[in-house]
């Protein structure tokens, strides 16, 4: 289980080099327009982030659930992976075409890129 959790954390937060320039999303309305009706996809991870503030999906076959709010230009979320609480974090969000990037700790920490499908 510990090895699977480590893999999940690595896949979620590993830095992935991407082509092009990311444009930061600063308003909740912009964020909602980008994610509305989309699934966020990475290897072993599929998430739906609703405009109503819910997060649901799977990560390495375990349920991922949570809630989010837009606060002062950041995506602030509480997240659970299976029964494990991953905690609260406010993240900078940027977009480049069909790729959305979440960068932890208000844009100063690790980032994860997801395909928007």
N, C-alpha and C. Protein backbone atom coordinates (compact mmCIF):
# COMPACT_ATOMS: atom_id res chain seq x y z
N UNK A 1 0.83 -1.20 0.00
CA UNK A 1 0.00 0.00 0.00
C UNK A 1 0.87 1.25 0.00
N UNK A 2 1.94 1.23 0.80
CA UNK A 2 2.83 2.39 0.87
C UNK A 2 3.45 2.67 -0.49
N UNK A 3 3.84 1.63 -1.21
CA UNK A 3 4.43 1.80 -2.53
C UNK A 3 3.41 2.39 -3.51
N UNK A 4 2.18 1.93 -3.44
CA UNK A 4 1.12 2.46 -4.31
C UNK A 4 0.85 3.92 -4.00
N UNK A 5 0.84 4.28 -2.72
CA UNK A 5 0.63 5.67 -2.34
C UNK A 5 1.77 6.54 -2.86
N UNK A 6 3.01 6.06 -2.74
CA UNK A 6 4.16 6.82 -3.24
C UNK A 6 4.05 7.04 -4.75
N UNK A 7 3.61 6.02 -5.47
CA UNK A 7 3.43 6.15 -6.92
C UNK A 7 2.36 7.20 -7.22
N UNK A 8 1.26 7.17 -6.47
CA UNK A 8 0.19 8.14 -6.67
C UNK A 8 0.69 9.56 -6.43
N UNK A 9 1.41 9.76 -5.34
CA UNK A 9 1.93 11.09 -5.03
C UNK A 9 2.90 11.54 -6.12
N UNK A 10 3.77 10.64 -6.56
CA UNK A 10 4.71 10.99 -7.61
C UNK A 10 3.99 11.39 -8.89
N UNK A 11 3.00 10.61 -9.29
CA UNK A 11 2.28 10.92 -10.53
C UNK A 11 1.47 12.20 -10.41
N UNK A 12 0.99 12.48 -9.23
CA UNK A 12 0.19 13.67 -9.04
C UNK A 12 1.03 14.94 -9.01
N UNK A 13 2.20 14.86 -8.42
CA UNK A 13 2.97 16.07 -8.20
C UNK A 13 4.27 16.16 -8.99
N UNK A 14 4.59 15.13 -9.76
CA UNK A 14 5.84 15.17 -10.53
C UNK A 14 5.81 16.29 -11.55
N UNK A 15 6.93 16.93 -11.72
CA UNK A 15 7.01 17.98 -12.71
C UNK A 15 7.16 17.35 -14.08
N UNK A 16 6.31 17.80 -15.00
CA UNK A 16 6.32 17.28 -16.35
C UNK A 16 6.57 18.44 -17.30
N UNK A 17 7.61 18.33 -18.09
CA UNK A 17 7.92 19.40 -19.04
C UNK A 17 6.87 19.42 -20.14
N UNK A 18 6.37 20.59 -20.47
CA UNK A 18 5.38 20.73 -21.52
C UNK A 18 5.78 21.78 -22.51
N UNK A 19 5.23 21.68 -23.69
CA UNK A 19 5.53 22.67 -24.73
C UNK A 19 4.56 23.84 -24.59
N UNK A 20 5.01 25.02 -25.00
CA UNK A 20 4.14 26.19 -25.00
C UNK A 20 4.13 26.89 -23.66
N UNK A 21 3.37 27.96 -23.64
CA UNK A 21 3.32 28.81 -22.46
C UNK A 21 2.00 28.62 -21.73
N UNK A 22 2.08 28.49 -20.43
CA UNK A 22 0.89 28.39 -19.60
C UNK A 22 0.45 29.80 -19.20
N UNK A 23 -0.85 30.00 -19.22
CA UNK A 23 -1.44 31.28 -18.83
C UNK A 23 -2.20 31.06 -17.52
N UNK A 24 -1.83 31.83 -16.50
CA UNK A 24 -2.46 31.66 -15.20
C UNK A 24 -3.91 32.08 -15.22
N UNK A 25 -4.73 31.28 -14.58
CA UNK A 25 -6.15 31.59 -14.39
C UNK A 25 -6.26 32.34 -13.07
N UNK A 26 -6.90 33.50 -13.10
CA UNK A 26 -6.95 34.32 -11.89
C UNK A 26 -8.36 34.48 -11.32
N UNK A 27 -9.37 34.12 -12.10
CA UNK A 27 -10.75 34.32 -11.66
C UNK A 27 -11.51 32.99 -11.64
N UNK A 28 -12.40 32.85 -10.67
CA UNK A 28 -13.20 31.63 -10.55
C UNK A 28 -14.01 31.37 -11.82
N UNK A 29 -14.53 32.43 -12.42
CA UNK A 29 -15.34 32.26 -13.64
C UNK A 29 -14.50 31.65 -14.77
N UNK A 30 -13.27 32.13 -14.94
CA UNK A 30 -12.37 31.56 -15.95
C UNK A 30 -12.12 30.08 -15.68
N UNK A 31 -11.84 29.76 -14.42
CA UNK A 31 -11.57 28.37 -14.05
C UNK A 31 -12.78 27.50 -14.35
N UNK A 32 -13.96 27.95 -13.97
CA UNK A 32 -15.18 27.18 -14.21
C UNK A 32 -15.41 26.95 -15.70
N UNK A 33 -15.13 27.94 -16.51
CA UNK A 33 -15.29 27.78 -17.96
C UNK A 33 -14.33 26.74 -18.52
N UNK A 34 -13.13 26.69 -17.99
CA UNK A 34 -12.13 25.73 -18.48
C UNK A 34 -12.49 24.30 -18.10
N UNK A 35 -12.96 24.07 -16.89
CA UNK A 35 -13.21 22.71 -16.41
C UNK A 35 -14.62 22.19 -16.67
N UNK A 36 -15.55 23.07 -16.99
CA UNK A 36 -16.95 22.68 -17.13
C UNK A 36 -17.12 21.56 -18.16
N UNK A 37 -17.64 20.43 -17.72
CA UNK A 37 -17.90 19.29 -18.60
C UNK A 37 -16.67 18.50 -18.98
N UNK A 38 -15.54 18.78 -18.37
CA UNK A 38 -14.28 18.11 -18.72
C UNK A 38 -13.88 17.10 -17.64
N UNK A 39 -13.06 16.13 -18.07
CA UNK A 39 -12.40 15.21 -17.16
C UNK A 39 -10.92 15.54 -17.18
N UNK A 40 -10.31 15.60 -16.00
CA UNK A 40 -8.87 15.85 -15.89
C UNK A 40 -8.18 14.50 -15.83
N UNK A 41 -7.23 14.29 -16.74
CA UNK A 41 -6.65 12.96 -16.91
C UNK A 41 -5.12 13.02 -16.85
N UNK A 42 -4.55 12.08 -16.08
CA UNK A 42 -3.11 11.78 -16.01
C UNK A 42 -2.99 10.27 -15.94
N UNK A 43 -1.81 9.72 -16.12
CA UNK A 43 -1.69 8.27 -15.95
C UNK A 43 -2.21 7.83 -14.58
N UNK A 44 -3.10 6.87 -14.58
CA UNK A 44 -3.73 6.29 -13.39
C UNK A 44 -4.69 7.22 -12.66
N UNK A 45 -4.94 8.42 -13.19
CA UNK A 45 -5.80 9.39 -12.49
C UNK A 45 -6.83 9.96 -13.46
N UNK A 46 -8.10 9.96 -13.04
CA UNK A 46 -9.18 10.62 -13.77
C UNK A 46 -10.04 11.34 -12.75
N UNK A 47 -10.19 12.65 -12.94
CA UNK A 47 -10.94 13.47 -12.00
C UNK A 47 -11.97 14.33 -12.71
N UNK A 48 -13.09 14.55 -12.05
CA UNK A 48 -14.08 15.55 -12.47
C UNK A 48 -14.09 16.61 -11.38
N UNK A 49 -13.86 17.85 -11.78
CA UNK A 49 -13.90 18.98 -10.87
C UNK A 49 -15.10 19.81 -11.29
N UNK A 50 -16.16 19.77 -10.51
CA UNK A 50 -17.40 20.42 -10.91
C UNK A 50 -17.37 21.92 -10.62
N UNK A 51 -18.16 22.65 -11.36
CA UNK A 51 -18.29 24.08 -11.12
C UNK A 51 -18.99 24.35 -9.78
N UNK A 52 -19.64 23.32 -9.22
CA UNK A 52 -20.33 23.46 -7.94
C UNK A 52 -19.41 23.23 -6.74
N UNK A 53 -18.12 22.90 -7.00
CA UNK A 53 -17.18 22.77 -5.91
C UNK A 53 -16.86 21.37 -5.46
N UNK A 54 -17.23 20.36 -6.24
CA UNK A 54 -16.94 18.98 -5.88
C UNK A 54 -15.81 18.42 -6.74
N UNK A 55 -15.05 17.50 -6.15
CA UNK A 55 -14.01 16.76 -6.86
C UNK A 55 -14.31 15.28 -6.68
N UNK A 56 -14.42 14.54 -7.79
CA UNK A 56 -14.65 13.10 -7.73
C UNK A 56 -13.84 12.43 -8.83
N UNK A 57 -13.43 11.21 -8.56
CA UNK A 57 -12.71 10.46 -9.58
C UNK A 57 -11.98 9.28 -8.98
N UNK A 58 -10.92 8.85 -9.69
CA UNK A 58 -10.12 7.73 -9.23
C UNK A 58 -8.64 8.05 -9.40
N UNK A 59 -7.86 7.48 -8.51
CA UNK A 59 -6.41 7.56 -8.58
C UNK A 59 -5.85 6.20 -8.22
N UNK A 60 -5.20 5.54 -9.17
CA UNK A 60 -4.68 4.19 -8.95
C UNK A 60 -5.78 3.27 -8.42
N UNK A 61 -6.96 3.37 -9.02
CA UNK A 61 -8.14 2.54 -8.74
C UNK A 61 -8.83 2.84 -7.41
N UNK A 62 -8.35 3.80 -6.65
CA UNK A 62 -9.01 4.20 -5.41
C UNK A 62 -9.83 5.46 -5.67
N UNK A 63 -10.90 5.61 -4.92
CA UNK A 63 -11.75 6.80 -5.06
C UNK A 63 -11.00 8.05 -4.62
N UNK A 64 -11.18 9.11 -5.38
CA UNK A 64 -10.68 10.43 -5.01
C UNK A 64 -11.91 11.32 -4.83
N UNK A 65 -12.01 11.98 -3.69
CA UNK A 65 -13.13 12.88 -3.42
C UNK A 65 -12.61 14.14 -2.73
N UNK A 66 -13.37 15.20 -2.90
CA UNK A 66 -12.98 16.43 -2.23
C UNK A 66 -13.90 17.57 -2.58
N UNK A 67 -13.53 18.72 -2.08
CA UNK A 67 -14.26 19.96 -2.32
C UNK A 67 -13.26 21.07 -2.60
N UNK A 68 -13.72 22.07 -3.34
CA UNK A 68 -12.84 23.20 -3.63
C UNK A 68 -13.61 24.50 -3.59
N UNK A 69 -12.86 25.57 -3.38
CA UNK A 69 -13.36 26.95 -3.45
C UNK A 69 -12.28 27.79 -4.12
N UNK A 70 -12.69 28.85 -4.78
CA UNK A 70 -11.74 29.80 -5.37
C UNK A 70 -11.54 30.92 -4.36
N UNK A 71 -10.31 31.10 -3.87
CA UNK A 71 -10.05 32.11 -2.84
C UNK A 71 -8.85 32.95 -3.27
N UNK A 72 -9.09 34.24 -3.45
CA UNK A 72 -8.01 35.21 -3.76
C UNK A 72 -7.13 34.77 -4.93
N UNK A 73 -7.74 34.22 -5.98
CA UNK A 73 -7.01 33.84 -7.18
C UNK A 73 -6.42 32.45 -7.16
N UNK A 74 -6.79 31.64 -6.17
CA UNK A 74 -6.25 30.29 -6.04
C UNK A 74 -7.35 29.25 -5.90
N UNK A 75 -7.07 28.05 -6.42
CA UNK A 75 -7.91 26.87 -6.29
C UNK A 75 -7.55 26.23 -4.95
N UNK A 76 -8.45 26.34 -3.98
CA UNK A 76 -8.19 25.82 -2.64
C UNK A 76 -9.05 24.59 -2.42
N UNK A 77 -8.40 23.47 -2.14
CA UNK A 77 -9.12 22.21 -2.07
C UNK A 77 -8.75 21.38 -0.86
N UNK A 78 -9.72 20.56 -0.42
CA UNK A 78 -9.54 19.46 0.51
C UNK A 78 -9.67 18.20 -0.32
N UNK A 79 -8.80 17.21 -0.11
CA UNK A 79 -8.81 16.05 -0.99
C UNK A 79 -8.58 14.77 -0.20
N UNK A 80 -9.30 13.73 -0.58
CA UNK A 80 -9.15 12.39 -0.01
C UNK A 80 -8.84 11.41 -1.13
N UNK A 81 -7.91 10.52 -0.88
CA UNK A 81 -7.58 9.44 -1.81
C UNK A 81 -7.85 8.15 -1.06
N UNK A 82 -8.95 7.47 -1.42
CA UNK A 82 -9.42 6.36 -0.61
C UNK A 82 -9.79 6.91 0.76
N UNK A 83 -9.26 6.31 1.80
CA UNK A 83 -9.51 6.79 3.17
C UNK A 83 -8.44 7.77 3.65
N UNK A 84 -7.43 7.99 2.83
CA UNK A 84 -6.31 8.84 3.23
C UNK A 84 -6.60 10.31 2.91
N UNK A 85 -6.52 11.15 3.94
CA UNK A 85 -6.71 12.59 3.75
C UNK A 85 -5.42 13.20 3.21
N UNK A 86 -5.49 13.81 2.03
CA UNK A 86 -4.33 14.46 1.43
C UNK A 86 -4.22 15.92 1.85
N UNK A 87 -5.27 16.43 2.49
CA UNK A 87 -5.19 17.75 3.10
C UNK A 87 -5.67 18.90 2.26
N UNK A 88 -5.56 20.05 2.86
CA UNK A 88 -6.00 21.32 2.27
C UNK A 88 -4.80 22.00 1.64
N UNK A 89 -4.99 22.56 0.44
CA UNK A 89 -3.92 23.28 -0.22
C UNK A 89 -4.52 24.26 -1.20
N UNK A 90 -3.95 25.45 -1.28
CA UNK A 90 -4.36 26.43 -2.28
C UNK A 90 -3.32 26.41 -3.40
N UNK A 91 -3.81 26.30 -4.63
CA UNK A 91 -2.93 26.07 -5.76
C UNK A 91 -3.16 27.10 -6.85
N UNK A 92 -2.06 27.50 -7.49
CA UNK A 92 -2.15 28.33 -8.69
C UNK A 92 -2.58 27.41 -9.83
N UNK A 93 -3.39 27.94 -10.74
CA UNK A 93 -3.86 27.16 -11.87
C UNK A 93 -3.52 27.91 -13.15
N UNK A 94 -3.01 27.16 -14.13
CA UNK A 94 -2.68 27.75 -15.43
C UNK A 94 -3.13 26.78 -16.51
N UNK A 95 -3.33 27.31 -17.70
CA UNK A 95 -3.81 26.50 -18.81
C UNK A 95 -2.97 26.77 -20.06
N UNK A 96 -2.79 25.72 -20.84
CA UNK A 96 -2.10 25.80 -22.13
C UNK A 96 -2.83 24.84 -23.06
N UNK A 97 -3.71 25.38 -23.90
CA UNK A 97 -4.49 24.53 -24.79
C UNK A 97 -5.37 23.59 -23.99
N UNK A 98 -5.19 22.28 -24.20
CA UNK A 98 -5.97 21.27 -23.49
C UNK A 98 -5.23 20.71 -22.27
N UNK A 99 -4.29 21.47 -21.74
CA UNK A 99 -3.56 21.05 -20.55
C UNK A 99 -3.80 22.07 -19.45
N UNK A 100 -4.14 21.57 -18.26
CA UNK A 100 -4.32 22.43 -17.10
C UNK A 100 -3.28 22.03 -16.07
N UNK A 101 -2.66 23.03 -15.45
CA UNK A 101 -1.59 22.81 -14.47
C UNK A 101 -2.04 23.35 -13.12
N UNK A 102 -1.89 22.50 -12.10
CA UNK A 102 -2.12 22.89 -10.72
C UNK A 102 -0.77 22.92 -10.02
N UNK A 103 -0.42 24.07 -9.42
CA UNK A 103 0.86 24.18 -8.72
C UNK A 103 0.58 24.47 -7.25
N UNK A 104 1.03 23.56 -6.40
CA UNK A 104 0.72 23.62 -4.97
C UNK A 104 1.32 24.84 -4.29
N UNK A 105 0.88 25.05 -3.09
CA UNK A 105 1.40 26.11 -2.22
C UNK A 105 1.38 27.49 -2.89
N UNK A 106 0.22 27.81 -3.45
CA UNK A 106 -0.01 29.10 -4.11
C UNK A 106 1.02 29.38 -5.20
N UNK A 107 1.39 28.32 -5.92
CA UNK A 107 2.29 28.48 -7.06
C UNK A 107 3.76 28.38 -6.75
N UNK A 108 4.11 28.01 -5.52
CA UNK A 108 5.53 27.91 -5.17
C UNK A 108 6.00 26.47 -5.02
N UNK A 109 5.08 25.51 -5.09
CA UNK A 109 5.44 24.11 -4.87
C UNK A 109 5.46 23.31 -6.17
N UNK A 110 5.33 22.01 -6.01
CA UNK A 110 5.30 21.09 -7.15
C UNK A 110 4.06 21.31 -7.98
N UNK A 111 4.14 20.90 -9.25
CA UNK A 111 2.97 21.02 -10.10
C UNK A 111 2.62 19.70 -10.75
N UNK A 112 1.35 19.61 -11.16
CA UNK A 112 0.85 18.44 -11.89
C UNK A 112 0.05 18.95 -13.09
N UNK A 113 0.33 18.39 -14.25
CA UNK A 113 -0.39 18.73 -15.48
C UNK A 113 -1.42 17.63 -15.76
N UNK A 114 -2.61 18.06 -16.17
CA UNK A 114 -3.68 17.15 -16.54
C UNK A 114 -4.16 17.48 -17.95
N UNK A 115 -4.49 16.46 -18.72
CA UNK A 115 -5.17 16.66 -19.99
C UNK A 115 -6.63 16.95 -19.70
N UNK A 116 -7.20 17.90 -20.43
CA UNK A 116 -8.63 18.21 -20.33
C UNK A 116 -9.34 17.43 -21.43
N UNK A 117 -10.20 16.51 -21.05
CA UNK A 117 -10.93 15.70 -22.05
C UNK A 117 -12.42 15.77 -21.83
